[in-house]
Full PDB file with SEQRES, HELIX, SHEET, SSBOND, CRYST1, ORIGX, SCALE, CONECT and MASTER records, all heavy atoms in Angstrom:
SEQRES   1 A   37  GLY LYS GLU ILE SER VAL PRO ASP ASN TYR PHE PRO GLU          
SEQRES   2 A   37  ASP ASN SER ASP ASN VAL PRO THR MET ARG TRP ASN LEU          
SEQRES   3 A   37  ALA ALA ALA THR PHE PHE SER ASN TRP ILE ASN                  
HELIX    1 AA1 PRO A   12  ASP A   14  5                                   3    
HELIX    2 AA2 ASN A   25  ILE A   36  1                                  12    
CRYST1    1.000    1.000    1.000  90.00  90.00  90.00 P 1           1          
ORIGX1      1.000000  0.000000  0.000000        0.00000                         
ORIGX2      0.000000  1.000000  0.000000        0.00000                         
ORIGX3      0.000000  0.000000  1.000000        0.00000                         
SCALE1      1.000000  0.000000  0.000000        0.00000                         
SCALE2      0.000000  1.000000  0.000000        0.00000                         
SCALE3      0.000000  0.000000  1.000000        0.00000                         
ATOM      1  N   GLY A   1     248.067 186.713  31.809  1.00  0.00           N  
ATOM      2  CA  GLY A   1     247.661 185.364  32.218  1.00  0.00           C  
ATOM      3  C   GLY A   1     246.244 184.991  31.889  1.00  0.00           C  
ATOM      4  O   GLY A   1     245.695 184.013  32.425  1.00  0.00           O  
ATOM      5  N   LYS A   2     245.638 185.657  30.935  1.00  0.00           N  
ATOM      6  CA  LYS A   2     244.232 185.310  30.519  1.00  0.00           C  
ATOM      7  C   LYS A   2     244.272 184.040  29.642  1.00  0.00           C  
ATOM      8  O   LYS A   2     245.195 183.858  28.843  1.00  0.00           O  
ATOM      9  CB  LYS A   2     243.614 186.418  29.751  1.00  0.00           C  
ATOM     10  CG  LYS A   2     243.295 187.653  30.578  1.00  0.00           C  
ATOM     11  CD  LYS A   2     242.533 188.698  29.756  1.00  0.00           C  
ATOM     12  CE  LYS A   2     242.218 189.909  30.540  1.00  0.00           C  
ATOM     13  NZ  LYS A   2     241.492 190.940  29.791  1.00  0.00           N  
ATOM     14  N   GLU A   3     243.286 183.171  29.831  1.00  0.00           N  
ATOM     15  CA  GLU A   3     243.120 182.000  29.029  1.00  0.00           C  
ATOM     16  C   GLU A   3     242.360 182.461  27.764  1.00  0.00           C  
ATOM     17  O   GLU A   3     241.126 182.608  27.788  1.00  0.00           O  
ATOM     18  CB  GLU A   3     242.428 180.888  29.752  1.00  0.00           C  
ATOM     19  CG  GLU A   3     243.182 180.316  30.969  1.00  0.00           C  
ATOM     20  CD  GLU A   3     242.462 179.142  31.568  1.00  0.00           C  
ATOM     21  OE1 GLU A   3     241.437 178.715  31.022  1.00  0.00           O  
ATOM     22  OE2 GLU A   3     242.945 178.669  32.613  1.00  0.00           O  
ATOM     23  N   ILE A   4     243.130 182.660  26.725  1.00  0.00           N  
ATOM     24  CA  ILE A   4     242.521 183.236  25.536  1.00  0.00           C  
ATOM     25  C   ILE A   4     242.955 182.492  24.295  1.00  0.00           C  
ATOM     26  O   ILE A   4     244.075 182.028  24.245  1.00  0.00           O  
ATOM     27  CB  ILE A   4     242.947 184.740  25.376  1.00  0.00           C  
ATOM     28  CG1 ILE A   4     242.111 185.493  24.378  1.00  0.00           C  
ATOM     29  CG2 ILE A   4     244.438 184.895  25.175  1.00  0.00           C  
ATOM     30  CD1 ILE A   4     240.753 185.905  24.878  1.00  0.00           C  
ATOM     31  N   SER A   5     242.060 182.346  23.335  1.00  0.00           N  
ATOM     32  CA  SER A   5     242.378 181.626  22.116  1.00  0.00           C  
ATOM     33  C   SER A   5     242.984 182.586  21.119  1.00  0.00           C  
ATOM     34  O   SER A   5     242.824 183.814  21.188  1.00  0.00           O  
ATOM     35  CB  SER A   5     241.110 181.017  21.497  1.00  0.00           C  
ATOM     36  OG  SER A   5     240.491 180.097  22.398  1.00  0.00           O  
ATOM     37  N   VAL A   6     243.731 181.970  20.155  1.00  0.00           N  
ATOM     38  CA  VAL A   6     244.259 182.811  19.080  1.00  0.00           C  
ATOM     39  C   VAL A   6     243.098 183.449  18.288  1.00  0.00           C  
ATOM     40  O   VAL A   6     242.027 182.807  18.071  1.00  0.00           O  
ATOM     41  CB  VAL A   6     245.091 181.940  18.123  1.00  0.00           C  
ATOM     42  CG1 VAL A   6     245.535 182.730  16.888  1.00  0.00           C  
ATOM     43  CG2 VAL A   6     246.296 181.414  18.869  1.00  0.00           C  
ATOM     44  N   PRO A   7     243.164 184.776  17.956  1.00  0.00           N  
ATOM     45  CA  PRO A   7     242.114 185.391  17.220  1.00  0.00           C  
ATOM     46  C   PRO A   7     241.683 184.569  15.944  1.00  0.00           C  
ATOM     47  O   PRO A   7     242.541 184.126  15.195  1.00  0.00           O  
ATOM     48  CB  PRO A   7     242.640 186.725  16.834  1.00  0.00           C  
ATOM     49  CG  PRO A   7     243.621 187.031  17.922  1.00  0.00           C  
ATOM     50  CD  PRO A   7     244.247 185.708  18.224  1.00  0.00           C  
ATOM     51  N   ASP A   8     240.382 184.425  15.748  1.00  0.00           N  
ATOM     52  CA  ASP A   8     239.905 183.586  14.585  1.00  0.00           C  
ATOM     53  C   ASP A   8     240.204 184.316  13.280  1.00  0.00           C  
ATOM     54  O   ASP A   8     240.072 185.501  13.147  1.00  0.00           O  
ATOM     55  CB  ASP A   8     238.395 183.395  14.718  1.00  0.00           C  
ATOM     56  CG  ASP A   8     238.031 182.466  15.847  1.00  0.00           C  
ATOM     57  OD1 ASP A   8     238.888 181.695  16.345  1.00  0.00           O  
ATOM     58  OD2 ASP A   8     236.860 182.531  16.362  1.00  0.00           O  
ATOM     59  N   ASN A   9     240.572 183.471  12.287  1.00  0.00           N  
ATOM     60  CA  ASN A   9     240.713 183.981  10.884  1.00  0.00           C  
ATOM     61  C   ASN A   9     241.636 185.164  10.716  1.00  0.00           C  
ATOM     62  O   ASN A   9     241.460 186.047   9.943  1.00  0.00           O  
ATOM     63  CB  ASN A   9     239.357 184.403  10.336  1.00  0.00           C  
ATOM     64  CG  ASN A   9     238.250 183.354  10.569  1.00  0.00           C  
ATOM     65  OD1 ASN A   9     238.431 182.174  10.320  1.00  0.00           O  
ATOM     66  ND2 ASN A   9     237.129 183.808  11.089  1.00  0.00           N  
ATOM     67  N   TYR A  10     242.709 185.150  11.570  1.00  0.00           N  
ATOM     68  CA  TYR A  10     243.586 186.315  11.655  1.00  0.00           C  
ATOM     69  C   TYR A  10     245.024 185.985  11.269  1.00  0.00           C  
ATOM     70  O   TYR A  10     245.545 186.521  10.262  1.00  0.00           O  
ATOM     71  CB  TYR A  10     243.492 186.868  13.080  1.00  0.00           C  
ATOM     72  CG  TYR A  10     244.262 188.159  13.321  1.00  0.00           C  
ATOM     73  CD1 TYR A  10     244.048 189.285  12.552  1.00  0.00           C  
ATOM     74  CD2 TYR A  10     245.174 188.205  14.352  1.00  0.00           C  
ATOM     75  CE1 TYR A  10     244.775 190.461  12.796  1.00  0.00           C  
ATOM     76  CE2 TYR A  10     245.857 189.345  14.627  1.00  0.00           C  
ATOM     77  CZ  TYR A  10     245.654 190.470  13.853  1.00  0.00           C  
ATOM     78  OH  TYR A  10     246.366 191.640  14.090  1.00  0.00           O  
ATOM     79  N   PHE A  11     245.685 185.144  12.047  1.00  0.00           N  
ATOM     80  CA  PHE A  11     247.063 184.732  11.727  1.00  0.00           C  
ATOM     81  C   PHE A  11     247.004 183.606  10.710  1.00  0.00           C  
ATOM     82  O   PHE A  11     246.253 182.649  10.849  1.00  0.00           O  
ATOM     83  CB  PHE A  11     247.755 184.285  12.983  1.00  0.00           C  
ATOM     84  CG  PHE A  11     248.007 185.289  14.022  1.00  0.00           C  
ATOM     85  CD1 PHE A  11     247.327 185.164  15.228  1.00  0.00           C  
ATOM     86  CD2 PHE A  11     248.901 186.294  13.846  1.00  0.00           C  
ATOM     87  CE1 PHE A  11     247.545 186.132  16.231  1.00  0.00           C  
ATOM     88  CE2 PHE A  11     249.142 187.231  14.828  1.00  0.00           C  
ATOM     89  CZ  PHE A  11     248.440 187.141  16.027  1.00  0.00           C  
ATOM     90  N   PRO A  12     247.829 183.698   9.642  1.00  0.00           N  
ATOM     91  CA  PRO A  12     247.936 182.559   8.728  1.00  0.00           C  
ATOM     92  C   PRO A  12     248.319 181.279   9.452  1.00  0.00           C  
ATOM     93  O   PRO A  12     249.212 181.291  10.335  1.00  0.00           O  
ATOM     94  CB  PRO A  12     249.034 183.010   7.736  1.00  0.00           C  
ATOM     95  CG  PRO A  12     248.988 184.491   7.741  1.00  0.00           C  
ATOM     96  CD  PRO A  12     248.633 184.842   9.157  1.00  0.00           C  
ATOM     97  N   GLU A  13     247.593 180.212   9.244  1.00  0.00           N  
ATOM     98  CA  GLU A  13     247.760 178.931   9.891  1.00  0.00           C  
ATOM     99  C   GLU A  13     247.580 179.008  11.394  1.00  0.00           C  
ATOM    100  O   GLU A  13     248.069 178.152  12.154  1.00  0.00           O  
ATOM    101  CB  GLU A  13     249.172 178.383   9.559  1.00  0.00           C  
ATOM    102  CG  GLU A  13     249.423 178.202   8.077  1.00  0.00           C  
ATOM    103  CD  GLU A  13     250.844 177.730   7.807  1.00  0.00           C  
ATOM    104  OE1 GLU A  13     251.667 177.722   8.694  1.00  0.00           O  
ATOM    105  OE2 GLU A  13     251.134 177.422   6.610  1.00  0.00           O  
ATOM    106  N   ASP A  14     246.919 180.056  11.882  1.00  0.00           N  
ATOM    107  CA  ASP A  14     246.672 180.234  13.292  1.00  0.00           C  
ATOM    108  C   ASP A  14     247.949 180.262  14.113  1.00  0.00           C  
ATOM    109  O   ASP A  14     247.971 179.966  15.304  1.00  0.00           O  
ATOM    110  CB  ASP A  14     245.728 179.181  13.881  1.00  0.00           C  
ATOM    111  CG  ASP A  14     244.301 179.370  13.490  1.00  0.00           C  
ATOM    112  OD1 ASP A  14     243.919 180.519  13.158  1.00  0.00           O  
ATOM    113  OD2 ASP A  14     243.504 178.375  13.469  1.00  0.00           O  
ATOM    114  N   ASN A  15     249.004 180.745  13.465  1.00  0.00           N  
ATOM    115  CA  ASN A  15     250.321 180.843  14.076  1.00  0.00           C  
ATOM    116  C   ASN A  15     250.612 182.344  14.382  1.00  0.00           C  
ATOM    117  O   ASN A  15     250.742 183.113  13.456  1.00  0.00           O  
ATOM    118  CB  ASN A  15     251.387 180.279  13.176  1.00  0.00           C  
ATOM    119  CG  ASN A  15     252.778 180.284  13.776  1.00  0.00           C  
ATOM    120  OD1 ASN A  15     253.016 180.919  14.815  1.00  0.00           O  
ATOM    121  ND2 ASN A  15     253.679 179.475  13.215  1.00  0.00           N  
ATOM    122  N   SER A  16     250.685 182.669  15.687  1.00  0.00           N  
ATOM    123  CA  SER A  16     250.853 184.031  16.054  1.00  0.00           C  
ATOM    124  C   SER A  16     252.205 184.607  15.706  1.00  0.00           C  
ATOM    125  O   SER A  16     252.439 185.836  15.813  1.00  0.00           O  
ATOM    126  CB  SER A  16     250.619 184.195  17.565  1.00  0.00           C  
ATOM    127  OG  SER A  16     251.516 183.425  18.311  1.00  0.00           O  
ATOM    128  N   ASP A  17     253.077 183.772  15.199  1.00  0.00           N  
ATOM    129  CA  ASP A  17     254.387 184.265  14.687  1.00  0.00           C  
ATOM    130  C   ASP A  17     254.255 184.811  13.262  1.00  0.00           C  
ATOM    131  O   ASP A  17     255.161 185.486  12.786  1.00  0.00           O  
ATOM    132  CB  ASP A  17     255.433 183.173  14.732  1.00  0.00           C  
ATOM    133  CG  ASP A  17     255.863 182.780  16.143  1.00  0.00           C  
ATOM    134  OD1 ASP A  17     255.797 183.686  17.017  1.00  0.00           O  
ATOM    135  OD2 ASP A  17     256.189 181.589  16.364  1.00  0.00           O  
ATOM    136  N   ASN A  18     253.185 184.492  12.590  1.00  0.00           N  
ATOM    137  CA  ASN A  18     252.968 184.946  11.219  1.00  0.00           C  
ATOM    138  C   ASN A  18     252.332 186.343  11.169  1.00  0.00           C  
ATOM    139  O   ASN A  18     251.637 186.744  12.137  1.00  0.00           O  
ATOM    140  CB  ASN A  18     252.052 183.979  10.467  1.00  0.00           C  
ATOM    141  CG  ASN A  18     252.720 182.641  10.211  1.00  0.00           C  
ATOM    142  OD1 ASN A  18     253.931 182.544  10.114  1.00  0.00           O  
ATOM    143  ND2 ASN A  18     251.913 181.569  10.150  1.00  0.00           N  
ATOM    144  N   VAL A  19     252.598 187.076  10.135  1.00  0.00           N  
ATOM    145  CA  VAL A  19     252.047 188.428   9.931  1.00  0.00           C  
ATOM    146  C   VAL A  19     250.538 188.272   9.607  1.00  0.00           C  
ATOM    147  O   VAL A  19     250.162 187.498   8.708  1.00  0.00           O  
ATOM    148  CB  VAL A  19     252.719 189.170   8.791  1.00  0.00           C  
ATOM    149  CG1 VAL A  19     252.081 190.539   8.572  1.00  0.00           C  
ATOM    150  CG2 VAL A  19     254.244 189.331   9.112  1.00  0.00           C  
ATOM    151  N   PRO A  20     249.693 188.934  10.377  1.00  0.00           N  
ATOM    152  CA  PRO A  20     248.230 188.852  10.141  1.00  0.00           C  
ATOM    153  C   PRO A  20     247.868 189.319   8.702  1.00  0.00           C  
ATOM    154  O   PRO A  20     248.456 190.167   8.109  1.00  0.00           O  
ATOM    155  CB  PRO A  20     247.632 189.792  11.146  1.00  0.00           C  
ATOM    156  CG  PRO A  20     248.639 189.930  12.201  1.00  0.00           C  
ATOM    157  CD  PRO A  20     249.976 189.813  11.501  1.00  0.00           C  
ATOM    158  N   THR A  21     246.850 188.669   8.155  1.00  0.00           N  
ATOM    159  CA  THR A  21     246.340 188.978   6.834  1.00  0.00           C  
ATOM    160  C   THR A  21     245.314 190.141   6.962  1.00  0.00           C  
ATOM    161  O   THR A  21     244.413 190.125   7.732  1.00  0.00           O  
ATOM    162  CB  THR A  21     245.650 187.821   6.151  1.00  0.00           C  
ATOM    163  OG1 THR A  21     246.601 186.707   6.108  1.00  0.00           O  
ATOM    164  CG2 THR A  21     245.196 188.143   4.774  1.00  0.00           C  
ATOM    165  N   MET A  22     245.527 191.221   6.139  1.00  0.00           N  
ATOM    166  CA  MET A  22     244.647 192.362   6.138  1.00  0.00           C  
ATOM    167  C   MET A  22     243.488 192.137   5.156  1.00  0.00           C  
ATOM    168  O   MET A  22     243.742 192.071   3.951  1.00  0.00           O  
ATOM    169  CB  MET A  22     245.473 193.621   5.760  1.00  0.00           C  
ATOM    170  CG  MET A  22     244.670 194.945   5.866  1.00  0.00           C  
ATOM    171  SD  MET A  22     244.456 195.395   7.580  1.00  0.00           S  
ATOM    172  CE  MET A  22     243.712 197.001   7.422  1.00  0.00           C  
ATOM    173  N   ARG A  23     242.264 192.087   5.652  1.00  0.00           N  
ATOM    174  CA  ARG A  23     241.128 191.774   4.804  1.00  0.00           C  
ATOM    175  C   ARG A  23     239.937 192.738   4.964  1.00  0.00           C  
ATOM    176  O   ARG A  23     238.856 192.415   4.466  1.00  0.00           O  
ATOM    177  CB  ARG A  23     240.698 190.308   5.038  1.00  0.00           C  
ATOM    178  CG  ARG A  23     241.699 189.294   4.525  1.00  0.00           C  
ATOM    179  CD  ARG A  23     241.145 187.901   4.737  1.00  0.00           C  
ATOM    180  NE  ARG A  23     241.182 187.467   6.126  1.00  0.00           N  
ATOM    181  CZ  ARG A  23     240.578 186.349   6.567  1.00  0.00           C  
ATOM    182  NH1 ARG A  23     239.911 185.555   5.716  1.00  0.00           N  
ATOM    183  NH2 ARG A  23     240.647 186.025   7.858  1.00  0.00           N  
ATOM    184  N   TRP A  24     240.138 193.774   5.712  1.00  0.00           N  
ATOM    185  CA  TRP A  24     238.969 194.669   5.986  1.00  0.00           C  
ATOM    186  C   TRP A  24     239.238 196.103   5.640  1.00  0.00           C  
ATOM    187  O   TRP A  24     238.369 196.978   5.916  1.00  0.00           O  
ATOM    188  CB  TRP A  24     238.613 194.573   7.502  1.00  0.00           C  
ATOM    189  CG  TRP A  24     239.740 195.033   8.462  1.00  0.00           C  
ATOM    190  CD1 TRP A  24     239.901 196.262   8.958  1.00  0.00           C  
ATOM    191  CD2 TRP A  24     240.782 194.213   8.905  1.00  0.00           C  
ATOM    192  NE1 TRP A  24     241.002 196.279   9.766  1.00  0.00           N  
ATOM    193  CE2 TRP A  24     241.605 195.099   9.768  1.00  0.00           C  
ATOM    194  CE3 TRP A  24     241.203 192.937   8.801  1.00  0.00           C  
ATOM    195  CZ2 TRP A  24     242.750 194.630  10.417  1.00  0.00           C  
ATOM    196  CZ3 TRP A  24     242.353 192.464   9.395  1.00  0.00           C  
ATOM    197  CH2 TRP A  24     243.089 193.329  10.218  1.00  0.00           C  
ATOM    198  N   ASN A  25     240.334 196.395   4.971  1.00  0.00           N  
ATOM    199  CA  ASN A  25     240.661 197.816   4.764  1.00  0.00           C  
ATOM    200  C   ASN A  25     239.696 198.522   3.788  1.00  0.00           C  
ATOM    201  O   ASN A  25     239.320 199.642   4.029  1.00  0.00           O  
ATOM    202  CB  ASN A  25     242.111 197.883   4.173  1.00  0.00           C  
ATOM    203  CG  ASN A  25     242.648 199.256   4.278  1.00  0.00           C  
ATOM    204  OD1 ASN A  25     242.546 199.914   5.302  1.00  0.00           O  
ATOM    205  ND2 ASN A  25     243.259 199.759   3.177  1.00  0.00           N  
ATOM    206  N   LEU A  26     239.275 197.809   2.761  1.00  0.00           N  
ATOM    207  CA  LEU A  26     238.306 198.391   1.771  1.00  0.00           C  
ATOM    208  C   LEU A  26     236.989 198.668   2.472  1.00  0.00           C  
ATOM    209  O   LEU A  26     236.407 199.741   2.277  1.00  0.00           O  
ATOM    210  CB  LEU A  26     238.113 197.496   0.596  1.00  0.00           C  
ATOM    211  CG  LEU A  26     237.183 198.009  -0.501  1.00  0.00           C  
ATOM    212  CD1 LEU A  26     237.623 199.410  -1.001  1.00  0.00           C  
ATOM    213  CD2 LEU A  26     237.075 197.030  -1.649  1.00  0.00           C  
ATOM    214  N   ALA A  27     236.470 197.722   3.262  1.00  0.00           N  
ATOM    215  CA  ALA A  27     235.214 197.942   3.933  1.00  0.00           C  
ATOM    216  C   ALA A  27     235.338 199.075   4.923  1.00  0.00           C  
ATOM    217  O   ALA A  27     234.396 199.919   5.071  1.00  0.00           O  
ATOM    218  CB  ALA A  27     234.822 196.640   4.675  1.00  0.00           C  
ATOM    219  N   ALA A  28     236.473 199.209   5.626  1.00  0.00           N  
ATOM    220  CA  ALA A  28     236.632 200.299   6.580  1.00  0.00           C  
ATOM    221  C   ALA A  28     236.643 201.659   5.888  1.00  0.00           C  
ATOM    222  O   ALA A  28     235.962 202.576   6.324  1.00  0.00           O  
ATOM    223  CB  ALA A  28     237.956 200.091   7.331  1.00  0.00           C  
ATOM    224  N   ALA A  29     237.415 201.755   4.795  1.00  0.00           N  
ATOM    225  CA  ALA A  29     237.456 203.020   4.034  1.00  0.00           C  
ATOM    226  C   ALA A  29     236.114 203.404   3.521  1.00  0.00           C  
ATOM    227  O   ALA A  29     235.691 204.552   3.607  1.00  0.00           O  
ATOM    228  CB  ALA A  29     238.458 202.891   2.903  1.00  0.00           C  
ATOM    229  N   THR A  30     235.364 202.451   2.998  1.00  0.00           N  
ATOM    230  CA  THR A  30     234.026 202.704   2.464  1.00  0.00           C  
ATOM    231  C   THR A  30     233.089 203.132   3.584  1.00  0.00           C  
ATOM    232  O   THR A  30     232.327 204.117   3.370  1.00  0.00           O  
ATOM    233  CB  THR A  30     233.458 201.450   1.817  1.00  0.00           C  
ATOM    234  OG1 THR A  30     234.364 200.980   0.804  1.00  0.00           O  
ATOM    235  CG2 THR A  30     232.087 201.724   1.217  1.00  0.00           C  
ATOM    236  N   PHE A  31     233.097 202.490   4.735  1.00  0.00           N  
ATOM    237  CA  PHE A  31     232.175 202.844   5.816  1.00  0.00           C  
ATOM    238  C   PHE A  31     232.415 204.205   6.386  1.00  0.00           C  
ATOM    239  O   PHE A  31     231.497 205.000   6.518  1.00  0.00           O  
ATOM    240  CB  PHE A  31     232.329 201.828   6.947  1.00  0.00           C  
ATOM    241  CG  PHE A  31     231.415 202.081   8.087  1.00  0.00           C  
ATOM    242  CD1 PHE A  31     230.057 201.979   7.983  1.00  0.00           C  
ATOM    243  CD2 PHE A  31     231.945 202.493   9.350  1.00  0.00           C  
ATOM    244  CE1 PHE A  31     229.204 202.268   9.068  1.00  0.00           C  
ATOM    245  CE2 PHE A  31     231.106 202.788  10.389  1.00  0.00           C  
ATOM    246  CZ  PHE A  31     229.718 202.654  10.259  1.00  0.00           C  
ATOM    247  N   PHE A  32     233.644 204.557   6.658  1.00  0.00           N  
ATOM    248  CA  PHE A  32     233.930 205.845   7.234  1.00  0.00           C  
ATOM    249  C   PHE A  32     233.640 207.005   6.229  1.00  0.00           C  
ATOM    250  O   PHE A  32     233.153 208.055   6.547  1.00  0.00           O  
ATOM    251  CB  PHE A  32     235.395 205.935   7.718  1.00  0.00           C  
ATOM    252  CG  PHE A  32     235.616 205.350   9.064  1.00  0.00           C  
ATOM    253  CD1 PHE A  32     235.960 204.040   9.226  1.00  0.00           C  
ATOM    254  CD2 PHE A  32     235.386 206.133  10.184  1.00  0.00           C  
ATOM    255  CE1 PHE A  32     236.130 203.480  10.456  1.00  0.00           C  
ATOM    256  CE2 PHE A  32     235.575 205.575  11.493  1.00  0.00           C  
ATOM    257  CZ  PHE A  32     235.917 204.260  11.590  1.00  0.00           C  
ATOM    258  N   SER A  33     233.926 206.722   4.950  1.00  0.00           N  
ATOM    259  CA  SER A  33     233.658 207.718   3.908  1.00  0.00           C  
ATOM    260  C   SER A  33     232.147 207.941   3.779  1.00  0.00           C  
ATOM    261  O   SER A  33     231.618 209.050   3.609  1.00  0.00           O  
ATOM    262  CB  SER A  33     234.197 207.293   2.554  1.00  0.00           C  
ATOM    263  OG  SER A  33     235.609 207.344   2.558  1.00  0.00           O  
ATOM    264  N   ASN A  34     231.373 206.805   3.848  1.00  0.00           N  
ATOM    265  CA  ASN A  34     229.916 206.918   3.762  1.00  0.00           C  
ATOM    266  C   ASN A  34     229.344 207.713   4.939  1.00  0.00           C  
ATOM    267  O   ASN A  34     228.426 208.524   4.791  1.00  0.00           O  
ATOM    268  CB  ASN A  34     229.313 205.534   3.730  1.00  0.00           C  
ATOM    269  CG  ASN A  34     229.417 204.889   2.384  1.00  0.00           C  
ATOM    270  OD1 ASN A  34     229.861 205.468   1.426  1.00  0.00           O  
ATOM    271  ND2 ASN A  34     229.088 203.543   2.348  1.00  0.00           N  
ATOM    272  N   TRP A  35     229.889 207.454   6.117  1.00  0.00           N  
ATOM    273  CA  TRP A  35     229.380 208.158   7.328  1.00  0.00           C  
ATOM    274  C   TRP A  35     229.638 209.666   7.178  1.00  0.00           C  
ATOM    275  O   TRP A  35     228.725 210.468   7.349  1.00  0.00           O  
ATOM    276  CB  TRP A  35     230.035 207.658   8.608  1.00  0.00           C  
ATOM    277  CG  TRP A  35     229.645 208.448   9.831  1.00  0.00           C  
ATOM    278  CD1 TRP A  35     228.420 208.511  10.385  1.00  0.00           C  
ATOM    279  CD2 TRP A  35     230.468 209.317  10.596  1.00  0.00           C  
ATOM    280  NE1 TRP A  35     228.394 209.394  11.462  1.00  0.00           N  
ATOM    281  CE2 TRP A  35     229.666 209.878  11.604  1.00  0.00           C  
ATOM    282  CE3 TRP A  35     231.831 209.663  10.552  1.00  0.00           C  
ATOM    283  CZ2 TRP A  35     230.138 210.782  12.550  1.00  0.00           C  
ATOM    284  CZ3 TRP A  35     232.316 210.568  11.463  1.00  0.00           C  
ATOM    285  CH2 TRP A  35     231.468 211.107  12.494  1.00  0.00           C  
ATOM    286  N   ILE A  36     230.881 210.021   6.791  1.00  0.00           N  
ATOM    287  CA  ILE A  36     231.192 211.468   6.624  1.00  0.00           C  
ATOM    288  C   ILE A  36     230.364 212.088   5.495  1.00  0.00           C  
ATOM    289  O   ILE A  36     229.805 213.210   5.640  1.00  0.00           O  
ATOM    290  CB  ILE A  36     232.679 211.645   6.343  1.00  0.00           C  
ATOM    291  CG1 ILE A  36     233.499 211.490   7.629  1.00  0.00           C  
ATOM    292  CG2 ILE A  36     232.961 213.000   5.720  1.00  0.00           C  
ATOM    293  CD1 ILE A  36     233.334 212.605   8.600  1.00  0.00           C  
ATOM    294  N   ASN A  37     230.193 211.390   4.422  1.00  0.00           N  
ATOM    295  CA  ASN A  37     229.503 211.959   3.258  1.00  0.00           C  
ATOM    296  C   ASN A  37     227.993 212.037   3.467  1.00  0.00           C  
ATOM    297  O   ASN A  37     227.343 213.079   3.329  1.00  0.00           O  
ATOM    298  CB  ASN A  37     229.839 211.198   2.017  1.00  0.00           C  
ATOM    299  CG  ASN A  37     229.214 211.817   0.755  1.00  0.00           C  
ATOM    300  OD1 ASN A  37     229.002 213.025   0.710  1.00  0.00           O  
ATOM    301  ND2 ASN A  37     228.947 210.992  -0.226  1.00  0.00           N  
TER     302      ASN A  37                                                      
MASTER        0    0    0    2    0    0    0    6  301    1    0    3          
END                                                                             
């Protein structure tokens, strides 16, 4: 029952029935590899 907005820049057309677009995987892989290395 929280009054919450649809996550920004996440669902195509801001429609929660759509599959979210993945746009951070490369940054994530780079960051964790950099920390470990």
